[in-house]
PDB file of N, CA and C in Angstrom:
ATOM      1  N   MET A   1       0.834  -1.170   0.000  1.00  0.00           N
ATOM      2  CA  MET A   1       0.000   0.000   0.000  1.00  0.00           C
ATOM      3  C   MET A   1       0.882   1.237   0.000  1.00  0.00           C
ATOM      4  N   THR A   2       0.398   2.236  -0.676  1.00  0.00           N
ATOM      5  CA  THR A   2       1.182   3.462  -0.720  1.00  0.00           C
ATOM      6  C   THR A   2       0.985   4.251   0.564  1.00  0.00           C
ATOM      7  N   ASN A   3       1.897   5.152   0.807  1.00  0.00           N
ATOM      8  CA  ASN A   3       1.800   5.990   2.006  1.00  0.00           C
ATOM      9  C   ASN A   3       0.530   6.840   1.993  1.00  0.00           C
ATOM     10  N   PHE A   4       0.126   7.298   0.837  1.00  0.00           N
ATOM     11  CA  PHE A   4      -1.075   8.124   0.726  1.00  0.00           C
ATOM     12  C   PHE A   4      -2.320   7.344   1.156  1.00  0.00           C
ATOM     13  N   VAL A   5      -2.445   6.115   0.664  1.00  0.00           N
ATOM     14  CA  VAL A   5      -3.609   5.293   0.994  1.00  0.00           C
ATOM     15  C   VAL A   5      -3.599   4.968   2.485  1.00  0.00           C
ATOM     16  N   ARG A   6      -2.449   4.614   3.029  1.00  0.00           N
ATOM     17  CA  ARG A   6      -2.348   4.322   4.461  1.00  0.00           C
ATOM     18  C   ARG A   6      -2.715   5.543   5.293  1.00  0.00           C
ATOM     19  N   THR A   7      -2.246   6.690   4.920  1.00  0.00           N
ATOM     20  CA  THR A   7      -2.540   7.923   5.649  1.00  0.00           C
ATOM     21  C   THR A   7      -4.035   8.251   5.560  1.00  0.00           C
ATOM     22  N   ALA A   8      -4.612   8.064   4.387  1.00  0.00           N
ATOM     23  CA  ALA A   8      -6.032   8.337   4.212  1.00  0.00           C
ATOM     24  C   ALA A   8      -6.868   7.383   5.059  1.00  0.00           C
ATOM     25  N   LEU A   9      -6.527   6.090   5.075  1.00  0.00           N
ATOM     26  CA  LEU A   9      -7.266   5.127   5.888  1.00  0.00           C
ATOM     27  C   LEU A   9      -7.124   5.439   7.380  1.00  0.00           C
ATOM     28  N   PHE A  10      -5.936   5.812   7.791  1.00  0.00           N
ATOM     29  CA  PHE A  10      -5.717   6.183   9.192  1.00  0.00           C
ATOM     30  C   PHE A  10      -6.561   7.410   9.551  1.00  0.00           C
ATOM     31  N   GLY A  11      -6.619   8.381   8.664  1.00  0.00           N
ATOM     32  CA  GLY A  11      -7.417   9.589   8.898  1.00  0.00           C
ATOM     33  C   GLY A  11      -8.898   9.268   9.028  1.00  0.00           C
ATOM     34  N   VAL A  12      -9.398   8.380   8.154  1.00  0.00           N
ATOM     35  CA  VAL A  12     -10.803   7.983   8.214  1.00  0.00           C
ATOM     36  C   VAL A  12     -11.088   7.244   9.523  1.00  0.00           C
ATOM     37  N   ALA A  13     -10.215   6.342   9.912  1.00  0.00           N
ATOM     38  CA  ALA A  13     -10.402   5.592  11.161  1.00  0.00           C
ATOM     39  C   ALA A  13     -10.377   6.536  12.362  1.00  0.00           C
ATOM     40  N   LEU A  14      -9.469   7.477  12.358  1.00  0.00           N
ATOM     41  CA  LEU A  14      -9.367   8.433  13.453  1.00  0.00           C
ATOM     42  C   LEU A  14     -10.610   9.317  13.513  1.00  0.00           C
ATOM     43  N   ALA A  15     -11.070   9.797  12.381  1.00  0.00           N
ATOM     44  CA  ALA A  15     -12.258  10.649  12.344  1.00  0.00           C
ATOM     45  C   ALA A  15     -13.488   9.880  12.804  1.00  0.00           C
ATOM     46  N   THR A  16     -13.614   8.629  12.388  1.00  0.00           N
ATOM     47  CA  THR A  16     -14.771   7.813  12.765  1.00  0.00           C
ATOM     48  C   THR A  16     -14.782   7.558  14.268  1.00  0.00           C
ATOM     49  N   SER A  17     -13.633   7.217  14.830  1.00  0.00           N
ATOM     50  CA  SER A  17     -13.587   6.955  16.268  1.00  0.00           C
ATOM     51  C   SER A  17     -13.799   8.239  17.057  1.00  0.00           C
ATOM     52  N   SER A  18     -13.312   9.359  16.557  1.00  0.00           N
ATOM     53  CA  SER A  18     -13.530  10.634  17.244  1.00  0.00           C
ATOM     54  C   SER A  18     -14.999  11.007  17.234  1.00  0.00           C
ATOM     55  N   LEU A  19     -15.664  10.771  16.122  1.00  0.00           N
ATOM     56  CA  LEU A  19     -17.082  11.069  16.012  1.00  0.00           C
ATOM     57  C   LEU A  19     -17.885  10.187  16.968  1.00  0.00           C
ATOM     58  N   ALA A  20     -17.545   8.924  17.042  1.00  0.00           N
ATOM     59  CA  ALA A  20     -18.247   8.013  17.943  1.00  0.00           C
ATOM     60  C   ALA A  20     -18.036   8.433  19.391  1.00  0.00           C
ATOM     61  N   PHE A  21     -16.820   8.823  19.753  1.00  0.00           N
ATOM     62  CA  PHE A  21     -16.534   9.263  21.114  1.00  0.00           C
ATOM     63  C   PHE A  21     -17.305  10.532  21.440  1.00  0.00           C
ATOM     64  N   ALA A  22     -17.361  11.455  20.514  1.00  0.00           N
ATOM     65  CA  ALA A  22     -18.059  12.714  20.749  1.00  0.00           C
ATOM     66  C   ALA A  22     -19.539  12.480  21.006  1.00  0.00           C
ATOM     67  N   GLN A  23     -20.117  11.465  20.419  1.00  0.00           N
ATOM     68  CA  GLN A  23     -21.533  11.207  20.592  1.00  0.00           C
ATOM     69  C   GLN A  23     -21.845  10.423  21.858  1.00  0.00           C
ATOM     70  N   THR A  24     -20.847   9.825  22.475  1.00  0.00           N
ATOM     71  CA  THR A  24     -21.106   9.019  23.664  1.00  0.00           C
ATOM     72  C   THR A  24     -20.646   9.685  24.953  1.00  0.00           C
ATOM     73  N   THR A  25     -20.014  10.846  24.882  1.00  0.00           N
ATOM     74  CA  THR A  25     -19.584  11.497  26.109  1.00  0.00           C
ATOM     75  C   THR A  25     -20.798  12.086  26.815  1.00  0.00           C
ATOM     76  N   PRO A  26     -20.798  12.056  28.134  1.00  0.00           N
ATOM     77  CA  PRO A  26     -21.939  12.598  28.871  1.00  0.00           C
ATOM     78  C   PRO A  26     -21.999  14.110  28.730  1.00  0.00           C
ATOM     79  N   PRO A  27     -23.177  14.690  28.905  1.00  0.00           N
ATOM     80  CA  PRO A  27     -23.291  16.141  28.822  1.00  0.00           C
ATOM     81  C   PRO A  27     -22.569  16.793  29.991  1.00  0.00           C
ATOM     82  N   PRO A  28     -22.164  18.038  29.841  1.00  0.00           N
ATOM     83  CA  PRO A  28     -21.474  18.704  30.944  1.00  0.00           C
ATOM     84  C   PRO A  28     -22.402  18.883  32.136  1.00  0.00           C
ATOM     85  N   ALA A  29     -21.817  19.005  33.292  1.00  0.00           N
ATOM     86  CA  ALA A  29     -22.606  19.211  34.507  1.00  0.00           C
ATOM     87  C   ALA A  29     -23.323  20.550  34.422  1.00  0.00           C
ATOM     88  N   PRO A  30     -24.520  20.636  34.985  1.00  0.00           N
ATOM     89  CA  PRO A  30     -25.233  21.906  34.943  1.00  0.00           C
ATOM     90  C   PRO A  30     -24.489  22.959  35.741  1.00  0.00           C
ATOM     91  N   PRO A  31     -24.602  24.216  35.358  1.00  0.00           N
ATOM     92  CA  PRO A  31     -23.924  25.273  36.108  1.00  0.00           C
ATOM     93  C   PRO A  31     -24.549  25.423  37.481  1.00  0.00           C
ATOM     94  N   PRO A  32     -23.786  25.950  38.428  1.00  0.00           N
ATOM     95  CA  PRO A  32     -24.375  26.171  39.746  1.00  0.00           C
ATOM     96  C   PRO A  32     -25.579  27.079  39.612  1.00  0.00           C
ATOM     97  N   GLY A  33     -26.613  26.776  40.335  1.00  0.00           N
ATOM     98  CA  GLY A  33     -27.817  27.584  40.207  1.00  0.00           C
ATOM     99  C   GLY A  33     -28.704  27.416  41.396  1.00  0.00           C
ATOM    100  N   ASP A  34     -29.939  26.979  41.161  1.00  0.00           N
ATOM    101  CA  ASP A  34     -30.924  26.900  42.218  1.00  0.00           C
ATOM    102  C   ASP A  34     -30.533  25.956  43.339  1.00  0.00           C
ATOM    103  N   GLY A  35     -29.602  25.046  43.083  1.00  0.00           N
ATOM    104  CA  GLY A  35     -29.161  24.187  44.157  1.00  0.00           C
ATOM    105  C   GLY A  35     -28.358  24.941  45.197  1.00  0.00           C
ATOM    106  N   ASP A  36     -27.697  26.042  44.770  1.00  0.00           N
ATOM    107  CA  ASP A  36     -26.845  26.811  45.663  1.00  0.00           C
ATOM    108  C   ASP A  36     -27.509  28.079  46.172  1.00  0.00           C
ATOM    109  N   SER A  37     -28.360  28.656  45.371  1.00  0.00           N
ATOM    110  CA  SER A  37     -29.035  29.900  45.739  1.00  0.00           C
ATOM    111  C   SER A  37     -30.336  29.968  44.964  1.00  0.00           C
ATOM    112  N   GLY A  38     -31.074  31.019  45.173  1.00  0.00           N
ATOM    113  CA  GLY A  38     -32.311  31.170  44.430  1.00  0.00           C
ATOM    114  C   GLY A  38     -33.502  30.701  45.219  1.00  0.00           C
ATOM    115  N   PRO A  39     -34.654  30.672  44.564  1.00  0.00           N
ATOM    116  CA  PRO A  39     -35.903  30.400  45.282  1.00  0.00           C
ATOM    117  C   PRO A  39     -35.981  29.017  45.913  1.00  0.00           C
ATOM    118  N   PHE A  40     -35.388  28.005  45.292  1.00  0.00           N
ATOM    119  CA  PHE A  40     -35.496  26.658  45.848  1.00  0.00           C
ATOM    120  C   PHE A  40     -34.583  26.478  47.057  1.00  0.00           C
ATOM    121  N   ALA A  41     -33.446  27.156  47.053  1.00  0.00           N
ATOM    122  CA  ALA A  41     -32.590  27.135  48.236  1.00  0.00           C
ATOM    123  C   ALA A  41     -33.294  27.852  49.390  1.00  0.00           C
ATOM    124  N   LYS A  42     -34.028  28.909  49.064  1.00  0.00           N
ATOM    125  CA  LYS A  42     -34.781  29.629  50.098  1.00  0.00           C
ATOM    126  C   LYS A  42     -35.874  28.745  50.678  1.00  0.00           C
ATOM    127  N   VAL A  43     -36.508  27.944  49.842  1.00  0.00           N
ATOM    128  CA  VAL A  43     -37.538  27.015  50.331  1.00  0.00           C
ATOM    129  C   VAL A  43     -36.905  26.006  51.281  1.00  0.00           C
ATOM    130  N   ARG A  44     -35.753  25.438  50.864  1.00  0.00           N
ATOM    131  CA  ARG A  44     -35.073  24.468  51.735  1.00  0.00           C
ATOM    132  C   ARG A  44     -34.743  25.088  53.088  1.00  0.00           C
ATOM    133  N   GLU A  45     -34.225  26.308  53.054  1.00  0.00           N
ATOM    134  CA  GLU A  45     -33.843  26.974  54.297  1.00  0.00           C
ATOM    135  C   GLU A  45     -35.071  27.325  55.141  1.00  0.00           C
ATOM    136  N   ALA A  46     -36.072  27.923  54.503  1.00  0.00           N
ATOM    137  CA  ALA A  46     -37.264  28.372  55.233  1.00  0.00           C
ATOM    138  C   ALA A  46     -38.097  27.212  55.761  1.00  0.00           C
ATOM    139  N   CYS A  47     -38.057  26.073  55.086  1.00  0.00           N
ATOM    140  CA  CYS A  47     -38.905  24.936  55.467  1.00  0.00           C
ATOM    141  C   CYS A  47     -38.164  23.858  56.253  1.00  0.00           C
ATOM    142  N   HIS A  48     -36.902  24.087  56.536  1.00  0.00           N
ATOM    143  CA  HIS A  48     -36.102  23.065  57.218  1.00  0.00           C
ATOM    144  C   HIS A  48     -36.753  22.616  58.522  1.00  0.00           C
ATOM    145  N   ASP A  49     -37.140  23.582  59.356  1.00  0.00           N
ATOM    146  CA  ASP A  49     -37.743  23.228  60.649  1.00  0.00           C
ATOM    147  C   ASP A  49     -39.091  22.530  60.467  1.00  0.00           C
ATOM    148  N   ASP A  50     -39.843  22.954  59.440  1.00  0.00           N
ATOM    149  CA  ASP A  50     -41.138  22.323  59.161  1.00  0.00           C
ATOM    150  C   ASP A  50     -40.939  20.868  58.737  1.00  0.00           C
ATOM    151  N   VAL A  51     -39.927  20.619  57.917  1.00  0.00           N
ATOM    152  CA  VAL A  51     -39.630  19.248  57.487  1.00  0.00           C
ATOM    153  C   VAL A  51     -39.235  18.407  58.695  1.00  0.00           C
ATOM    154  N   GLU A  52     -38.406  18.961  59.559  1.00  0.00           N
ATOM    155  CA  GLU A  52     -37.998  18.231  60.768  1.00  0.00           C
ATOM    156  C   GLU A  52     -39.196  17.935  61.672  1.00  0.00           C
ATOM    157  N   ARG A  53     -40.099  18.881  61.765  1.00  0.00           N
ATOM    158  CA  ARG A  53     -41.255  18.745  62.658  1.00  0.00           C
ATOM    159  C   ARG A  53     -42.344  17.855  62.070  1.00  0.00           C
ATOM    160  N   LEU A  54     -42.638  18.030  60.782  1.00  0.00           N
ATOM    161  CA  LEU A  54     -43.800  17.369  60.185  1.00  0.00           C
ATOM    162  C   LEU A  54     -43.470  16.148  59.332  1.00  0.00           C
ATOM    163  N   CYS A  55     -42.262  16.104  58.793  1.00  0.00           N
ATOM    164  CA  CYS A  55     -41.930  15.057  57.815  1.00  0.00           C
ATOM    165  C   CYS A  55     -40.649  14.317  58.193  1.00  0.00           C
ATOM    166  N   LYS A  56     -40.382  14.255  59.462  1.00  0.00           N
ATOM    167  CA  LYS A  56     -39.143  13.662  59.960  1.00  0.00           C
ATOM    168  C   LYS A  56     -38.920  12.234  59.465  1.00  0.00           C
ATOM    169  N   GLU A  57     -39.971  11.462  59.349  1.00  0.00           N
ATOM    170  CA  GLU A  57     -39.870  10.053  58.965  1.00  0.00           C
ATOM    171  C   GLU A  57     -39.880   9.829  57.449  1.00  0.00           C
ATOM    172  N   VAL A  58     -40.041  10.897  56.667  1.00  0.00           N
ATOM    173  CA  VAL A  58     -40.145  10.772  55.214  1.00  0.00           C
ATOM    174  C   VAL A  58     -38.752  10.722  54.595  1.00  0.00           C
ATOM    175  N   GLU A  59     -38.534   9.736  53.751  1.00  0.00           N
ATOM    176  CA  GLU A  59     -37.252   9.605  53.054  1.00  0.00           C
ATOM    177  C   GLU A  59     -37.220  10.590  51.882  1.00  0.00           C
ATOM    178  N   PRO A  60     -36.187  11.442  51.800  1.00  0.00           N
ATOM    179  CA  PRO A  60     -36.097  12.399  50.697  1.00  0.00           C
ATOM    180  C   PRO A  60     -35.993  11.699  49.346  1.00  0.00           C
ATOM    181  N   GLY A  61     -36.504  12.349  48.317  1.00  0.00           N
ATOM    182  CA  GLY A  61     -36.408  11.838  46.955  1.00  0.00           C
ATOM    183  C   GLY A  61     -37.760  11.563  46.349  1.00  0.00           C
ATOM    184  N   ASP A  62     -37.811  11.673  45.041  1.00  0.00           N
ATOM    185  CA  ASP A  62     -39.030  11.398  44.267  1.00  0.00           C
ATOM    186  C   ASP A  62     -40.226  12.236  44.721  1.00  0.00           C
ATOM    187  N   GLY A  63     -39.969  13.435  45.242  1.00  0.00           N
ATOM    188  CA  GLY A  63     -41.055  14.332  45.619  1.00  0.00           C
ATOM    189  C   GLY A  63     -41.748  13.998  46.924  1.00  0.00           C
ATOM    190  N   ARG A  64     -41.186  13.066  47.695  1.00  0.00           N
ATOM    191  CA  ARG A  64     -41.854  12.649  48.929  1.00  0.00           C
ATOM    192  C   ARG A  64     -41.937  13.782  49.960  1.00  0.00           C
ATOM    193  N   LEU A  65     -40.856  14.561  50.105  1.00  0.00           N
ATOM    194  CA  LEU A  65     -40.903  15.667  51.062  1.00  0.00           C
ATOM    195  C   LEU A  65     -41.893  16.730  50.601  1.00  0.00           C
ATOM    196  N   ARG A  66     -41.911  17.010  49.304  1.00  0.00           N
ATOM    197  CA  ARG A  66     -42.855  17.983  48.760  1.00  0.00           C
ATOM    198  C   ARG A  66     -44.293  17.547  49.064  1.00  0.00           C
ATOM    199  N   GLU A  67     -44.571  16.269  48.851  1.00  0.00           N
ATOM    200  CA  GLU A  67     -45.917  15.753  49.115  1.00  0.00           C
ATOM    201  C   GLU A  67     -46.263  15.812  50.601  1.00  0.00           C
ATOM    202  N   CYS A  68     -45.278  15.560  51.439  1.00  0.00           N
ATOM    203  CA  CYS A  68     -45.512  15.639  52.882  1.00  0.00           C
ATOM    204  C   CYS A  68     -45.843  17.074  53.280  1.00  0.00           C
ATOM    205  N   LEU A  69     -45.065  18.029  52.777  1.00  0.00           N
ATOM    206  CA  LEU A  69     -45.345  19.430  53.084  1.00  0.00           C
ATOM    207  C   LEU A  69     -46.715  19.840  52.555  1.00  0.00           C
ATOM    208  N   ARG A  70     -47.057  19.354  51.374  1.00  0.00           N
ATOM    209  CA  ARG A  70     -48.371  19.661  50.802  1.00  0.00           C
ATOM    210  C   ARG A  70     -49.482  19.093  51.699  1.00  0.00           C
ATOM    211  N   ALA A  71     -49.280  17.894  52.221  1.00  0.00           N
ATOM    212  CA  ALA A  71     -50.286  17.272  53.083  1.00  0.00           C
ATOM    213  C   ALA A  71     -50.454  18.039  54.403  1.00  0.00           C
ATOM    214  N   HIS A  72     -49.399  18.749  54.806  1.00  0.00           N
ATOM    215  CA  HIS A  72     -49.424  19.505  56.065  1.00  0.00           C
ATOM    216  C   HIS A  72     -49.464  21.009  55.808  1.00  0.00           C
ATOM    217  N   LYS A  73     -49.986  21.423  54.666  1.00  0.00           N
ATOM    218  CA  LYS A  73     -49.913  22.844  54.278  1.00  0.00           C
ATOM    219  C   LYS A  73     -50.519  23.778  55.324  1.00  0.00           C
ATOM    220  N   ASP A  74     -51.535  23.356  56.033  1.00  0.00           N
ATOM    221  CA  ASP A  74     -52.147  24.209  57.051  1.00  0.00           C
ATOM    222  C   ASP A  74     -51.297  24.344  58.307  1.00  0.00           C
ATOM    223  N   GLU A  75     -50.306  23.472  58.456  1.00  0.00           N
ATOM    224  CA  GLU A  75     -49.445  23.478  59.641  1.00  0.00           C
ATOM    225  C   GLU A  75     -48.082  24.113  59.389  1.00  0.00           C
ATOM    226  N   LEU A  76     -47.821  24.553  58.163  1.00  0.00           N
ATOM    227  CA  LEU A  76     -46.516  25.112  57.816  1.00  0.00           C
ATOM    228  C   LEU A  76     -46.318  26.485  58.443  1.00  0.00           C
ATOM    229  N   SER A  77     -45.063  26.812  58.724  1.00  0.00           N
ATOM    230  CA  SER A  77     -44.736  28.145  59.236  1.00  0.00           C
ATOM    231  C   SER A  77     -44.983  29.178  58.143  1.00  0.00           C
ATOM    232  N   GLU A  78     -45.177  30.421  58.551  1.00  0.00           N
ATOM    233  CA  GLU A  78     -45.413  31.485  57.560  1.00  0.00           C
ATOM    234  C   GLU A  78     -44.204  31.662  56.649  1.00  0.00           C
ATOM    235  N   GLY A  79     -42.999  31.520  57.187  1.00  0.00           N
ATOM    236  CA  GLY A  79     -41.795  31.654  56.366  1.00  0.00           C
ATOM    237  C   GLY A  79     -41.721  30.590  55.279  1.00  0.00           C
ATOM    238  N   CYS A  80     -42.088  29.380  55.622  1.00  0.00           N
ATOM    239  CA  CYS A  80     -42.085  28.284  54.656  1.00  0.00           C
ATOM    240  C   CYS A  80     -43.150  28.523  53.591  1.00  0.00           C
ATOM    241  N   LYS A  81     -44.345  28.915  54.018  1.00  0.00           N
ATOM    242  CA  LYS A  81     -45.417  29.195  53.054  1.00  0.00           C
ATOM    243  C   LYS A  81     -45.013  30.293  52.079  1.00  0.00           C
ATOM    244  N   THR A  82     -44.386  31.344  52.597  1.00  0.00           N
ATOM    245  CA  THR A  82     -43.961  32.461  51.747  1.00  0.00           C
ATOM    246  C   THR A  82     -42.904  32.007  50.752  1.00  0.00           C
ATOM    247  N   ALA A  83     -41.919  31.240  51.207  1.00  0.00           N
ATOM    248  CA  ALA A  83     -40.858  30.766  50.313  1.00  0.00           C
ATOM    249  C   ALA A  83     -41.429  29.876  49.210  1.00  0.00           C
ATOM    250  N   ILE A  84     -42.359  29.013  49.542  1.00  0.00           N
ATOM    251  CA  ILE A  84     -42.994  28.137  48.544  1.00  0.00           C
ATOM    252  C   ILE A  84     -43.767  28.979  47.531  1.00  0.00           C
ATOM    253  N   ARG A  85     -44.507  29.957  48.029  1.00  0.00           N
ATOM    254  CA  ARG A  85     -45.292  30.820  47.144  1.00  0.00           C
ATOM    255  C   ARG A  85     -44.372  31.582  46.176  1.00  0.00           C
ATOM    256  N   GLU A  86     -43.238  32.070  46.667  1.00  0.00           N
ATOM    257  CA  GLU A  86     -42.296  32.817  45.822  1.00  0.00           C
ATOM    258  C   GLU A  86     -41.579  31.921  44.821  1.00  0.00           C
ATOM    259  N   ALA A  87     -41.420  30.637  45.140  1.00  0.00           N
ATOM    260  CA  ALA A  87     -40.716  29.710  44.251  1.00  0.00           C
ATOM    261  C   ALA A  87     -41.619  29.148  43.160  1.00  0.00           C
ATOM    262  N   LYS A  88     -42.924  29.194  43.354  1.00  0.00           N
ATOM    263  CA  LYS A  88     -43.854  28.587  42.385  1.00  0.00           C
ATOM    264  C   LYS A  88     -43.643  29.058  40.948  1.00  0.00           C
ATOM    265  N   PRO A  89     -43.425  30.362  40.679  1.00  0.00           N
ATOM    266  CA  PRO A  89     -43.225  30.777  39.275  1.00  0.00           C
ATOM    267  C   PRO A  89     -41.981  30.154  38.636  1.00  0.00           C
ATOM    268  N   HIS A  90     -41.054  29.664  39.439  1.00  0.00           N
ATOM    269  CA  HIS A  90     -39.812  29.075  38.927  1.00  0.00           C
ATOM    270  C   HIS A  90     -39.902  27.563  38.770  1.00  0.00           C
ATOM    271  N   HIS A  91     -40.995  26.981  39.210  1.00  0.00           N
ATOM    272  CA  HIS A  91     -41.155  25.519  39.177  1.00  0.00           C
ATOM    273  C   HIS A  91     -41.454  25.041  37.778  1.00  0.00           C
ATOM    274  N   HIS A  92     -40.733  24.038  37.358  1.00  0.00           N
ATOM    275  CA  HIS A  92     -40.962  23.387  36.061  1.00  0.00           C
ATOM    276  C   HIS A  92     -41.348  21.948  36.356  1.00  0.00           C
ATOM    277  N   PRO A  93     -42.592  21.572  36.160  1.00  0.00           N
ATOM    278  CA  PRO A  93     -43.021  20.203  36.490  1.00  0.00           C
ATOM    279  C   PRO A  93     -42.187  19.165  35.743  1.00  0.00           C
ATOM    280  N   ARG A  94     -41.959  18.050  36.397  1.00  0.00           N
ATOM    281  CA  ARG A  94     -41.238  16.962  35.754  1.00  0.00           C
ATOM    282  C   ARG A  94     -42.073  16.399  34.634  1.00  0.00           C
ATOM    283  N   ARG A  95     -41.442  15.682  33.736  1.00  0.00           N
ATOM    284  CA  ARG A  95     -42.139  15.130  32.582  1.00  0.00           C
ATOM    285  C   ARG A  95     -43.189  14.103  32.947  1.00  0.00           C
ATOM    286  N   ASP A  96     -43.026  13.483  34.120  1.00  0.00           N
ATOM    287  CA  ASP A  96     -44.007  12.471  34.497  1.00  0.00           C
ATOM    288  C   ASP A  96     -45.249  13.086  35.141  1.00  0.00           C
ATOM    289  N   GLY A  97     -45.330  14.423  35.105  1.00  0.00           N
ATOM    290  CA  GLY A  97     -46.531  15.098  35.575  1.00  0.00           C
ATOM    291  C   GLY A  97     -46.456  15.612  36.994  1.00  0.00           C
ATOM    292  N   ASN A  98     -45.357  15.383  37.717  1.00  0.00           N
ATOM    293  CA  ASN A  98     -45.226  15.859  39.093  1.00  0.00           C
ATOM    294  C   ASN A  98     -44.559  17.203  39.141  1.00  0.00           C
TER     295      ASN A  98
END
């Protein structure tokens, strides 16, 4: 084989493997945001005592704490209620309808 053909085949193999790698790499991590500050961090802070008082036995995840707070909405502190009310415009429901 000539050097040209070998170089061309190597280039095609390299390009193909690079393309495959580019399509399988995970997406970059989301930028810092509501997890660190913003309305949802305010809800976590404002409702911490309410969660401890009303939902102590609830395992976090899959919306369980949210549902517990919703079930006890009449018992929530005013600070927690206010933080939830202020965060509502920023809420994007999950695709499964929650």
